[in-house]
Amino acid sequence: MGRWDHGEGVIELPGGMRVRGRGLRRPTPAGPDPEFGLYLLAERPSIAWPSRWVRWPDFRLPSDRADALDAFREALDRAPHERVEVACGGGRGRTGTALAVIAAMAGVPQREVVAWVRARYHPRAVETPWQARWVRTVDLGR
């Protein structure tokens, strides 16, 4: 089991854990494969490594928000010891939203987490106003 080096789409969470975000419509970044993937799509993907799928239509919120939060927690729990990838089609809205919630679970204050993920991952992460509102108000169950 390994960790991501710094590279395309890799962000470092509080505590030093690293997670890679990416868009599935773009070429796979160079380097090793993920050891666990969290895929945020309307349809179940076909993935070669251990993964979890969250039904999440583009530009919307997850169809089952409790399941999404459980999946984010699983990704965070795996991140200290495994190469965890979070991905959607384009790699910005759904992926950015998930990375923001995962960062909040890791300790970034919710009121700051959208700006935090935009600064560290992609300037257009968390694309819609309802995604941003959900990130700032979701009950993280701490």
C-alpha atoms as a PDB file:
ATOM      1  CA  MET A   1       0.000   0.000   0.000  1.00  0.00           C
ATOM      2  CA  GLY A   2       1.222   3.483  -0.740  1.00  0.00           C
ATOM      3  CA  ARG A   3       0.538   7.164  -0.787  1.00  0.00           C
ATOM      4  CA  TRP A   4       0.345   9.664  -3.586  1.00  0.00           C
ATOM      5  CA  ASP A   5       3.381  11.758  -4.282  1.00  0.00           C
ATOM      6  CA  HIS A   6       2.550  15.325  -5.098  1.00  0.00           C
ATOM      7  CA  GLY A   7       1.271  15.337  -8.655  1.00  0.00           C
ATOM      8  CA  GLU A   8      -1.589  16.254 -10.913  1.00  0.00           C
ATOM      9  CA  GLY A   9      -4.805  16.545  -8.891  1.00  0.00           C
ATOM     10  CA  VAL A  10      -3.231  15.496  -5.588  1.00  0.00           C
ATOM     11  CA  ILE A  11      -4.167  17.601  -2.574  1.00  0.00           C
ATOM     12  CA  GLU A  12      -2.793  17.326   0.920  1.00  0.00           C
ATOM     13  CA  LEU A  13      -5.422  17.318   3.645  1.00  0.00           C
ATOM     14  CA  PRO A  14      -4.870  18.458   7.223  1.00  0.00           C
ATOM     15  CA  GLY A  15      -2.747  15.845   8.952  1.00  0.00           C
ATOM     16  CA  GLY A  16      -0.711  15.151   5.807  1.00  0.00           C
ATOM     17  CA  MET A  17      -3.071  12.698   4.083  1.00  0.00           C
ATOM     18  CA  ARG A  18      -3.205  12.983   0.299  1.00  0.00           C
ATOM     19  CA  VAL A  19      -6.106  12.332  -2.048  1.00  0.00           C
ATOM     20  CA  ARG A  20      -6.155  12.654  -5.833  1.00  0.00           C
ATOM     21  CA  GLY A  21      -9.058  14.277  -7.641  1.00  0.00           C
ATOM     22  CA  ARG A  22      -9.526  13.926 -11.375  1.00  0.00           C
ATOM     23  CA  GLY A  23     -11.926  13.955 -14.283  1.00  0.00           C
ATOM     24  CA  LEU A  24     -12.573  10.600 -15.910  1.00  0.00           C
ATOM     25  CA  ARG A  25     -12.983  12.196 -19.353  1.00  0.00           C
ATOM     26  CA  ARG A  26      -9.328  13.265 -19.267  1.00  0.00           C
ATOM     27  CA  PRO A  27      -6.289  11.010 -19.646  1.00  0.00           C
ATOM     28  CA  THR A  28      -5.250   9.161 -16.512  1.00  0.00           C
ATOM     29  CA  PRO A  29      -2.396  11.005 -14.784  1.00  0.00           C
ATOM     30  CA  ALA A  30       1.038   9.420 -14.950  1.00  0.00           C
ATOM     31  CA  GLY A  31       2.103   7.249 -12.044  1.00  0.00           C
ATOM     32  CA  PRO A  32       0.663   4.371 -10.062  1.00  0.00           C
ATOM     33  CA  ASP A  33      -2.981   3.341 -10.114  1.00  0.00           C
ATOM     34  CA  PRO A  34      -5.233   4.161  -7.186  1.00  0.00           C
ATOM     35  CA  GLU A  35      -5.657   1.529  -4.505  1.00  0.00           C
ATOM     36  CA  PHE A  36      -9.199   2.775  -3.848  1.00  0.00           C
ATOM     37  CA  GLY A  37     -11.442   4.935  -5.980  1.00  0.00           C
ATOM     38  CA  LEU A  38     -14.539   6.946  -5.117  1.00  0.00           C
ATOM     39  CA  TYR A  39     -16.552   7.592  -8.273  1.00  0.00           C
ATOM     40  CA  LEU A  40     -19.296  10.213  -8.368  1.00  0.00           C
ATOM     41  CA  LEU A  41     -21.387   9.515 -11.449  1.00  0.00           C
ATOM     42  CA  ALA A  42     -24.974   9.040 -12.605  1.00  0.00           C
ATOM     43  CA  GLU A  43     -24.129   5.499 -13.814  1.00  0.00           C
ATOM     44  CA  ARG A  44     -21.979   2.811 -12.168  1.00  0.00           C
ATOM     45  CA  PRO A  45     -18.455   2.807 -13.684  1.00  0.00           C
ATOM     46  CA  SER A  46     -16.353  -0.209 -14.583  1.00  0.00           C
ATOM     47  CA  ILE A  47     -13.132   0.147 -12.577  1.00  0.00           C
ATOM     48  CA  ALA A  48     -10.236  -2.315 -12.257  1.00  0.00           C
ATOM     49  CA  TRP A  49      -9.316  -1.580  -8.598  1.00  0.00           C
ATOM     50  CA  PRO A  50     -11.364  -1.528  -5.380  1.00  0.00           C
ATOM     51  CA  SER A  51     -13.866   1.290  -5.586  1.00  0.00           C
ATOM     52  CA  ARG A  52     -17.117   2.737  -4.393  1.00  0.00           C
ATOM     53  CA  TRP A  53     -19.765   4.394  -6.504  1.00  0.00           C
ATOM     54  CA  VAL A  54     -21.990   7.242  -5.375  1.00  0.00           C
ATOM     55  CA  ARG A  55     -24.945   7.955  -7.672  1.00  0.00           C
ATOM     56  CA  TRP A  56     -24.548  11.656  -8.400  1.00  0.00           C
ATOM     57  CA  PRO A  57     -26.000  13.341 -11.504  1.00  0.00           C
ATOM     58  CA  ASP A  58     -23.856  16.088 -13.037  1.00  0.00           C
ATOM     59  CA  PHE A  59     -24.355  19.607 -11.596  1.00  0.00           C
ATOM     60  CA  ARG A  60     -26.502  18.279  -8.744  1.00  0.00           C
ATOM     61  CA  LEU A  61     -26.098  16.828  -5.278  1.00  0.00           C
ATOM     62  CA  PRO A  62     -25.713  13.117  -4.465  1.00  0.00           C
ATOM     63  CA  SER A  63     -28.906  11.107  -4.895  1.00  0.00           C
ATOM     64  CA  ASP A  64     -28.391   9.583  -1.423  1.00  0.00           C
ATOM     65  CA  ARG A  65     -26.568  12.116   0.742  1.00  0.00           C
ATOM     66  CA  ALA A  66     -26.139   9.776   3.708  1.00  0.00           C
ATOM     67  CA  ASP A  67     -24.464   7.202   1.448  1.00  0.00           C
ATOM     68  CA  ALA A  68     -22.245   9.950  -0.007  1.00  0.00           C
ATOM     69  CA  LEU A  69     -21.114  11.046   3.464  1.00  0.00           C
ATOM     70  CA  ASP A  70     -20.371   7.430   4.369  1.00  0.00           C
ATOM     71  CA  ALA A  71     -18.329   7.065   1.155  1.00  0.00           C
ATOM     72  CA  PHE A  72     -16.414  10.294   1.909  1.00  0.00           C
ATOM     73  CA  ARG A  73     -15.631   9.003   5.394  1.00  0.00           C
ATOM     74  CA  GLU A  74     -14.404   5.712   3.899  1.00  0.00           C
ATOM     75  CA  ALA A  75     -12.126   7.617   1.491  1.00  0.00           C
ATOM     76  CA  LEU A  76     -10.760   9.698   4.376  1.00  0.00           C
ATOM     77  CA  ASP A  77     -10.197   6.596   6.513  1.00  0.00           C
ATOM     78  CA  ARG A  78      -8.270   4.896   3.685  1.00  0.00           C
ATOM     79  CA  ALA A  79      -6.189   7.963   2.722  1.00  0.00           C
ATOM     80  CA  PRO A  80      -3.433   7.586   5.364  1.00  0.00           C
ATOM     81  CA  HIS A  81      -2.426   4.166   3.981  1.00  0.00           C
ATOM     82  CA  GLU A  82      -3.759   3.906   0.422  1.00  0.00           C
ATOM     83  CA  ARG A  83      -3.708   5.897  -2.822  1.00  0.00           C
ATOM     84  CA  VAL A  84      -7.291   7.220  -2.847  1.00  0.00           C
ATOM     85  CA  GLU A  85      -8.778   8.781  -5.966  1.00  0.00           C
ATOM     86  CA  VAL A  86     -11.985  10.834  -6.096  1.00  0.00           C
ATOM     87  CA  ALA A  87     -13.371  11.361  -9.589  1.00  0.00           C
ATOM     88  CA  CYS A  88     -16.375  12.366 -11.673  1.00  0.00           C
ATOM     89  CA  GLY A  89     -16.735  13.063 -15.389  1.00  0.00           C
ATOM     90  CA  GLY A  90     -15.143  16.486 -15.562  1.00  0.00           C
ATOM     91  CA  GLY A  91     -13.320  16.467 -12.242  1.00  0.00           C
ATOM     92  CA  ARG A  92     -14.540  19.829 -10.964  1.00  0.00           C
ATOM     93  CA  GLY A  93     -18.076  20.073  -9.603  1.00  0.00           C
ATOM     94  CA  ARG A  94     -18.832  16.715  -8.028  1.00  0.00           C
ATOM     95  CA  THR A  95     -15.173  15.898  -7.381  1.00  0.00           C
ATOM     96  CA  GLY A  96     -14.524  19.353  -5.925  1.00  0.00           C
ATOM     97  CA  THR A  97     -17.625  19.085  -3.749  1.00  0.00           C
ATOM     98  CA  ALA A  98     -16.557  15.678  -2.440  1.00  0.00           C
ATOM     99  CA  LEU A  99     -12.985  16.862  -1.826  1.00  0.00           C
ATOM    100  CA  ALA A 100     -14.345  19.877   0.056  1.00  0.00           C
ATOM    101  CA  VAL A 101     -16.498  17.713   2.336  1.00  0.00           C
ATOM    102  CA  ILE A 102     -13.602  15.294   2.878  1.00  0.00           C
ATOM    103  CA  ALA A 103     -11.361  18.268   3.762  1.00  0.00           C
ATOM    104  CA  ALA A 104     -14.004  19.503   6.224  1.00  0.00           C
ATOM    105  CA  MET A 105     -14.097  16.021   7.779  1.00  0.00           C
ATOM    106  CA  ALA A 106     -10.295  16.241   8.070  1.00  0.00           C
ATOM    107  CA  GLY A 107     -10.476  19.559   9.915  1.00  0.00           C
ATOM    108  CA  VAL A 108     -10.823  22.473   7.482  1.00  0.00           C
ATOM    109  CA  PRO A 109     -13.558  24.785   8.832  1.00  0.00           C
ATOM    110  CA  GLN A 110     -16.728  24.372   6.758  1.00  0.00           C
ATOM    111  CA  ARG A 111     -17.127  28.113   6.202  1.00  0.00           C
ATOM    112  CA  GLU A 112     -13.669  28.177   4.553  1.00  0.00           C
ATOM    113  CA  VAL A 113     -13.580  24.825   2.785  1.00  0.00           C
ATOM    114  CA  VAL A 114     -14.872  25.905  -0.651  1.00  0.00           C
ATOM    115  CA  ALA A 115     -12.111  28.522  -0.950  1.00  0.00           C
ATOM    116  CA  TRP A 116      -9.633  25.999   0.476  1.00  0.00           C
ATOM    117  CA  VAL A 117     -10.375  23.347  -2.169  1.00  0.00           C
ATOM    118  CA  ARG A 118     -10.432  25.931  -4.973  1.00  0.00           C
ATOM    119  CA  ALA A 119      -6.980  27.144  -3.932  1.00  0.00           C
ATOM    120  CA  ARG A 120      -5.495  23.644  -3.669  1.00  0.00           C
ATOM    121  CA  TYR A 121      -7.333  21.599  -6.275  1.00  0.00           C
ATOM    122  CA  HIS A 122      -9.051  23.659  -8.991  1.00  0.00           C
ATOM    123  CA  PRO A 123     -10.300  27.266  -9.097  1.00  0.00           C
ATOM    124  CA  ARG A 124     -13.727  26.109 -10.361  1.00  0.00           C
ATOM    125  CA  ALA A 125     -14.159  23.229  -7.904  1.00  0.00           C
ATOM    126  CA  VAL A 126     -17.634  23.101  -6.337  1.00  0.00           C
ATOM    127  CA  GLU A 127     -19.409  24.422  -9.432  1.00  0.00           C
ATOM    128  CA  THR A 128     -22.947  25.241  -8.352  1.00  0.00           C
ATOM    129  CA  PRO A 129     -24.426  27.411  -5.589  1.00  0.00           C
ATOM    130  CA  TRP A 130     -26.312  24.404  -4.160  1.00  0.00           C
ATOM    131  CA  GLN A 131     -23.118  22.345  -4.031  1.00  0.00           C
ATOM    132  CA  ALA A 132     -21.376  25.190  -2.168  1.00  0.00           C
ATOM    133  CA  ARG A 133     -24.312  25.568   0.237  1.00  0.00           C
ATOM    134  CA  TRP A 134     -24.366  21.821   0.932  1.00  0.00           C
ATOM    135  CA  VAL A 135     -20.611  21.770   1.629  1.00  0.00           C
ATOM    136  CA  ARG A 136     -20.963  24.631   4.137  1.00  0.00           C
ATOM    137  CA  THR A 137     -24.038  23.255   5.910  1.00  0.00           C
ATOM    138  CA  VAL A 138     -23.912  19.451   5.762  1.00  0.00           C
ATOM    139  CA  ASP A 139     -23.883  17.731   9.139  1.00  0.00           C
ATOM    140  CA  LEU A 140     -20.517  15.984   9.249  1.00  0.00           C
ATOM    141  CA  GLY A 141     -21.529  13.892  12.238  1.00  0.00           C
ATOM    142  CA  ARG A 142     -18.385  14.588  14.232  1.00  0.00           C
END
